[in-house]
Amino acid sequence: MEIAVIGDSDFTTGFRLAGIKKIYETKGTDDLVPTLQNVLEEREVGVLVIHNDDLASLPEQFRIMLDEMVTPTTIALGGAGESSNLRDKIKQAVGVDLW
């Protein structure tokens, strides 16, 4: 399984430097939904990292779908919105509370 990162160039730069290969840069919310749909079709993506503000800008049904999916597990980072509970996401993906 691989990690995929979706966001603008400011958000993805650190992940690029960390060696993550699946980087999908978007230029605003018009790019976001089609890019997400393409990433969700890739079977090798196990973890999807997205900026919290980008996640909040998605249509509600899309956010609910991402939240309920086990693979890929969506992790939202940064921004002013609510932070994603990483512990709950790991529990959802693995099926066991590792903490």
N, C-alpha and C. Protein backbone atom coordinates (compact mmCIF):
# COMPACT_ATOMS: atom_id res chain seq x y z
N MET A 1 0.83 -1.18 0.00
CA MET A 1 0.00 0.00 0.00
C MET A 1 0.88 1.25 0.00
N GLU A 2 0.40 2.26 -0.68
CA GLU A 2 1.15 3.50 -0.79
C GLU A 2 0.37 4.67 -0.19
N ILE A 3 1.11 5.73 0.08
CA ILE A 3 0.52 6.96 0.59
C ILE A 3 0.37 7.92 -0.59
N ALA A 4 -0.80 8.53 -0.70
CA ALA A 4 -1.04 9.55 -1.72
C ALA A 4 -1.36 10.86 -1.01
N VAL A 5 -0.89 11.96 -1.57
CA VAL A 5 -1.12 13.29 -1.00
C VAL A 5 -1.76 14.16 -2.07
N ILE A 6 -2.86 14.82 -1.67
CA ILE A 6 -3.57 15.71 -2.59
C ILE A 6 -3.60 17.11 -1.97
N GLY A 7 -3.25 18.12 -2.76
CA GLY A 7 -3.32 19.49 -2.27
C GLY A 7 -2.54 20.43 -3.16
N ASP A 8 -2.47 21.68 -2.73
CA ASP A 8 -1.72 22.66 -3.50
C ASP A 8 -0.22 22.45 -3.28
N SER A 9 0.59 23.18 -4.02
CA SER A 9 2.04 22.97 -3.97
C SER A 9 2.62 23.27 -2.59
N ASP A 10 2.06 24.24 -1.87
CA ASP A 10 2.56 24.55 -0.53
C ASP A 10 2.35 23.36 0.41
N PHE A 11 1.21 22.69 0.29
CA PHE A 11 0.89 21.56 1.16
C PHE A 11 1.71 20.32 0.80
N THR A 12 1.92 20.09 -0.47
CA THR A 12 2.56 18.84 -0.90
C THR A 12 4.09 18.87 -0.85
N THR A 13 4.69 20.03 -0.75
CA THR A 13 6.16 20.13 -0.80
C THR A 13 6.85 19.30 0.27
N GLY A 14 6.39 19.38 1.50
CA GLY A 14 7.01 18.61 2.58
C GLY A 14 6.90 17.11 2.36
N PHE A 15 5.79 16.66 1.83
CA PHE A 15 5.62 15.23 1.55
C PHE A 15 6.54 14.79 0.42
N ARG A 16 6.70 15.67 -0.56
CA ARG A 16 7.63 15.39 -1.67
C ARG A 16 9.06 15.22 -1.13
N LEU A 17 9.44 16.12 -0.22
CA LEU A 17 10.78 16.05 0.38
C LEU A 17 10.95 14.80 1.25
N ALA A 18 9.86 14.32 1.81
CA ALA A 18 9.91 13.11 2.64
C ALA A 18 9.98 11.84 1.79
N GLY A 19 9.86 11.98 0.48
CA GLY A 19 10.01 10.82 -0.40
C GLY A 19 8.72 10.19 -0.87
N ILE A 20 7.60 10.82 -0.59
CA ILE A 20 6.31 10.27 -1.05
C ILE A 20 6.24 10.51 -2.56
N LYS A 21 5.91 9.45 -3.29
CA LYS A 21 5.92 9.53 -4.75
C LYS A 21 4.57 9.92 -5.34
N LYS A 22 3.49 9.52 -4.70
CA LYS A 22 2.15 9.78 -5.24
C LYS A 22 1.65 11.14 -4.73
N ILE A 23 2.05 12.18 -5.44
CA ILE A 23 1.68 13.54 -5.10
C ILE A 23 0.78 14.06 -6.21
N TYR A 24 -0.38 14.58 -5.83
CA TYR A 24 -1.33 15.12 -6.80
C TYR A 24 -1.60 16.57 -6.43
N GLU A 25 -1.03 17.47 -7.20
CA GLU A 25 -1.21 18.89 -6.93
C GLU A 25 -2.49 19.39 -7.57
N THR A 26 -3.23 20.18 -6.80
CA THR A 26 -4.47 20.76 -7.30
C THR A 26 -4.36 22.27 -7.28
N LYS A 27 -5.14 22.89 -8.11
CA LYS A 27 -5.15 24.35 -8.19
C LYS A 27 -6.58 24.82 -7.92
N GLY A 28 -6.99 24.75 -6.67
CA GLY A 28 -8.33 25.20 -6.30
C GLY A 28 -9.32 24.06 -6.21
N THR A 29 -10.53 24.39 -5.83
CA THR A 29 -11.55 23.38 -5.59
C THR A 29 -12.08 22.75 -6.87
N ASP A 30 -11.95 23.42 -8.01
CA ASP A 30 -12.43 22.83 -9.27
C ASP A 30 -11.62 21.60 -9.63
N ASP A 31 -10.37 21.58 -9.29
CA ASP A 31 -9.46 20.46 -9.56
C ASP A 31 -9.64 19.31 -8.57
N LEU A 32 -10.11 19.62 -7.40
CA LEU A 32 -10.07 18.70 -6.27
C LEU A 32 -10.90 17.43 -6.47
N VAL A 33 -12.17 17.56 -6.82
CA VAL A 33 -13.04 16.39 -6.94
C VAL A 33 -12.57 15.44 -8.03
N PRO A 34 -12.27 15.91 -9.25
CA PRO A 34 -11.78 14.96 -10.26
C PRO A 34 -10.48 14.28 -9.86
N THR A 35 -9.59 15.01 -9.22
CA THR A 35 -8.33 14.42 -8.77
C THR A 35 -8.59 13.35 -7.71
N LEU A 36 -9.46 13.65 -6.76
CA LEU A 36 -9.81 12.66 -5.73
C LEU A 36 -10.42 11.41 -6.35
N GLN A 37 -11.30 11.57 -7.31
CA GLN A 37 -11.92 10.42 -7.96
C GLN A 37 -10.88 9.55 -8.65
N ASN A 38 -9.90 10.17 -9.29
CA ASN A 38 -8.83 9.41 -9.94
C ASN A 38 -7.99 8.65 -8.92
N VAL A 39 -7.68 9.29 -7.80
CA VAL A 39 -6.88 8.64 -6.76
C VAL A 39 -7.64 7.48 -6.14
N LEU A 40 -8.93 7.64 -5.92
CA LEU A 40 -9.72 6.58 -5.30
C LEU A 40 -9.83 5.35 -6.20
N GLU A 41 -9.63 5.51 -7.48
CA GLU A 41 -9.66 4.37 -8.40
C GLU A 41 -8.36 3.57 -8.38
N GLU A 42 -7.30 4.13 -7.84
CA GLU A 42 -6.02 3.44 -7.78
C GLU A 42 -6.01 2.46 -6.60
N ARG A 43 -5.86 1.20 -6.88
CA ARG A 43 -5.94 0.15 -5.87
C ARG A 43 -4.76 0.16 -4.89
N GLU A 44 -3.60 0.66 -5.33
CA GLU A 44 -2.41 0.59 -4.47
C GLU A 44 -2.37 1.68 -3.40
N VAL A 45 -3.28 2.65 -3.45
CA VAL A 45 -3.30 3.73 -2.45
C VAL A 45 -4.02 3.24 -1.21
N GLY A 46 -3.30 3.22 -0.08
CA GLY A 46 -3.86 2.77 1.18
C GLY A 46 -4.16 3.90 2.15
N VAL A 47 -3.41 5.01 2.00
CA VAL A 47 -3.60 6.18 2.87
C VAL A 47 -3.65 7.41 1.97
N LEU A 48 -4.67 8.22 2.20
CA LEU A 48 -4.84 9.45 1.44
C LEU A 48 -4.72 10.62 2.40
N VAL A 49 -3.76 11.51 2.13
CA VAL A 49 -3.55 12.69 2.98
C VAL A 49 -4.06 13.91 2.20
N ILE A 50 -4.88 14.70 2.88
CA ILE A 50 -5.47 15.88 2.26
C ILE A 50 -5.50 17.01 3.29
N HIS A 51 -5.42 18.23 2.82
CA HIS A 51 -5.49 19.38 3.72
C HIS A 51 -6.91 19.49 4.26
N ASN A 52 -7.04 19.82 5.52
CA ASN A 52 -8.35 19.90 6.17
C ASN A 52 -9.27 20.92 5.49
N ASP A 53 -8.72 22.02 5.05
CA ASP A 53 -9.53 23.03 4.36
C ASP A 53 -10.06 22.50 3.03
N ASP A 54 -9.23 21.72 2.33
CA ASP A 54 -9.69 21.11 1.07
C ASP A 54 -10.80 20.10 1.33
N LEU A 55 -10.64 19.32 2.38
CA LEU A 55 -11.67 18.34 2.73
C LEU A 55 -12.98 19.05 3.06
N ALA A 56 -12.90 20.15 3.78
CA ALA A 56 -14.10 20.90 4.14
C ALA A 56 -14.79 21.53 2.93
N SER A 57 -14.05 21.78 1.87
CA SER A 57 -14.63 22.39 0.67
C SER A 57 -15.33 21.38 -0.23
N LEU A 58 -15.19 20.10 0.05
CA LEU A 58 -15.84 19.07 -0.76
C LEU A 58 -17.34 19.02 -0.48
N PRO A 59 -18.12 18.54 -1.44
CA PRO A 59 -19.55 18.34 -1.18
C PRO A 59 -19.75 17.36 -0.03
N GLU A 60 -20.80 17.54 0.73
CA GLU A 60 -21.03 16.75 1.93
C GLU A 60 -21.06 15.24 1.65
N GLN A 61 -21.71 14.83 0.57
CA GLN A 61 -21.79 13.40 0.26
C GLN A 61 -20.40 12.82 0.01
N PHE A 62 -19.54 13.59 -0.62
CA PHE A 62 -18.18 13.14 -0.89
C PHE A 62 -17.39 12.99 0.41
N ARG A 63 -17.57 13.94 1.32
CA ARG A 63 -16.90 13.86 2.63
C ARG A 63 -17.37 12.63 3.41
N ILE A 64 -18.66 12.37 3.38
CA ILE A 64 -19.21 11.21 4.09
C ILE A 64 -18.64 9.93 3.49
N MET A 65 -18.57 9.87 2.15
CA MET A 65 -18.02 8.69 1.49
C MET A 65 -16.56 8.46 1.90
N LEU A 66 -15.77 9.54 1.92
CA LEU A 66 -14.36 9.41 2.31
C LEU A 66 -14.23 8.97 3.77
N ASP A 67 -15.10 9.47 4.62
CA ASP A 67 -15.05 9.13 6.04
C ASP A 67 -15.40 7.67 6.28
N GLU A 68 -16.30 7.12 5.48
CA GLU A 68 -16.75 5.75 5.69
C GLU A 68 -15.86 4.71 5.00
N MET A 69 -15.02 5.15 4.08
CA MET A 69 -14.15 4.21 3.36
C MET A 69 -13.04 3.71 4.29
N VAL A 70 -12.76 2.42 4.17
CA VAL A 70 -11.66 1.84 4.93
C VAL A 70 -10.36 1.99 4.14
N THR A 71 -10.43 1.73 2.85
CA THR A 71 -9.26 1.85 1.99
C THR A 71 -9.59 2.72 0.81
N PRO A 72 -8.93 3.80 0.60
CA PRO A 72 -7.85 4.33 1.42
C PRO A 72 -8.38 5.04 2.66
N THR A 73 -7.59 5.01 3.69
CA THR A 73 -7.91 5.75 4.90
C THR A 73 -7.54 7.21 4.65
N THR A 74 -8.50 8.10 4.86
CA THR A 74 -8.27 9.52 4.60
C THR A 74 -7.84 10.22 5.88
N ILE A 75 -6.73 10.94 5.80
CA ILE A 75 -6.22 11.70 6.93
C ILE A 75 -6.15 13.16 6.52
N ALA A 76 -6.85 14.01 7.26
CA ALA A 76 -6.84 15.45 6.99
C ALA A 76 -5.88 16.13 7.95
N LEU A 77 -5.02 16.97 7.40
CA LEU A 77 -4.01 17.67 8.21
C LEU A 77 -4.10 19.16 7.97
N GLY A 78 -3.72 19.93 8.99
CA GLY A 78 -3.61 21.38 8.87
C GLY A 78 -4.95 22.08 8.74
N GLY A 79 -4.88 23.37 8.55
CA GLY A 79 -6.08 24.16 8.33
C GLY A 79 -6.77 24.59 9.60
N ALA A 80 -7.85 25.33 9.40
CA ALA A 80 -8.59 25.88 10.53
C ALA A 80 -9.76 25.02 10.95
N GLY A 81 -10.11 24.02 10.13
CA GLY A 81 -11.26 23.18 10.43
C GLY A 81 -10.98 22.18 11.54
N GLU A 82 -11.95 21.32 11.79
CA GLU A 82 -11.78 20.28 12.80
C GLU A 82 -10.68 19.34 12.35
N SER A 83 -9.85 18.93 13.27
CA SER A 83 -8.80 17.99 12.91
C SER A 83 -9.36 16.58 12.94
N SER A 84 -8.88 15.78 12.03
CA SER A 84 -9.32 14.39 11.95
C SER A 84 -8.71 13.62 13.13
N ASN A 85 -9.47 12.74 13.70
CA ASN A 85 -8.97 11.95 14.81
C ASN A 85 -8.20 10.77 14.26
N LEU A 86 -6.88 10.87 14.26
CA LEU A 86 -6.02 9.86 13.69
C LEU A 86 -6.23 8.50 14.35
N ARG A 87 -6.44 8.49 15.63
CA ARG A 87 -6.66 7.24 16.36
C ARG A 87 -7.88 6.51 15.82
N ASP A 88 -8.97 7.24 15.60
CA ASP A 88 -10.19 6.63 15.05
C ASP A 88 -9.97 6.12 13.64
N LYS A 89 -9.20 6.85 12.85
CA LYS A 89 -8.92 6.43 11.48
C LYS A 89 -8.11 5.13 11.46
N ILE A 90 -7.11 5.03 12.35
CA ILE A 90 -6.31 3.81 12.42
C ILE A 90 -7.17 2.65 12.88
N LYS A 91 -8.01 2.89 13.85
CA LYS A 91 -8.91 1.85 14.35
C LYS A 91 -9.86 1.38 13.24
N GLN A 92 -10.35 2.32 12.45
CA GLN A 92 -11.25 1.98 11.35
C GLN A 92 -10.52 1.15 10.29
N ALA A 93 -9.30 1.52 9.97
CA ALA A 93 -8.55 0.83 8.93
C ALA A 93 -8.07 -0.55 9.35
N VAL A 94 -7.59 -0.65 10.59
CA VAL A 94 -7.00 -1.89 11.07
C VAL A 94 -8.05 -2.79 11.72
N GLY A 95 -9.04 -2.18 12.33
CA GLY A 95 -10.08 -2.96 13.01
C GLY A 95 -9.80 -3.16 14.49
N VAL A 96 -8.69 -2.62 14.97
CA VAL A 96 -8.29 -2.77 16.36
C VAL A 96 -7.74 -1.44 16.86
N ASP A 97 -8.01 -1.10 18.10
CA ASP A 97 -7.44 0.10 18.69
C ASP A 97 -6.01 -0.22 19.11
N LEU A 98 -5.05 0.36 18.41
CA LEU A 98 -3.63 0.05 18.68
C LEU A 98 -3.06 0.81 19.86
N TRP A 99 -3.82 1.79 20.37
CA TRP A 99 -3.34 2.54 21.52
C TRP A 99 -3.76 1.83 22.73
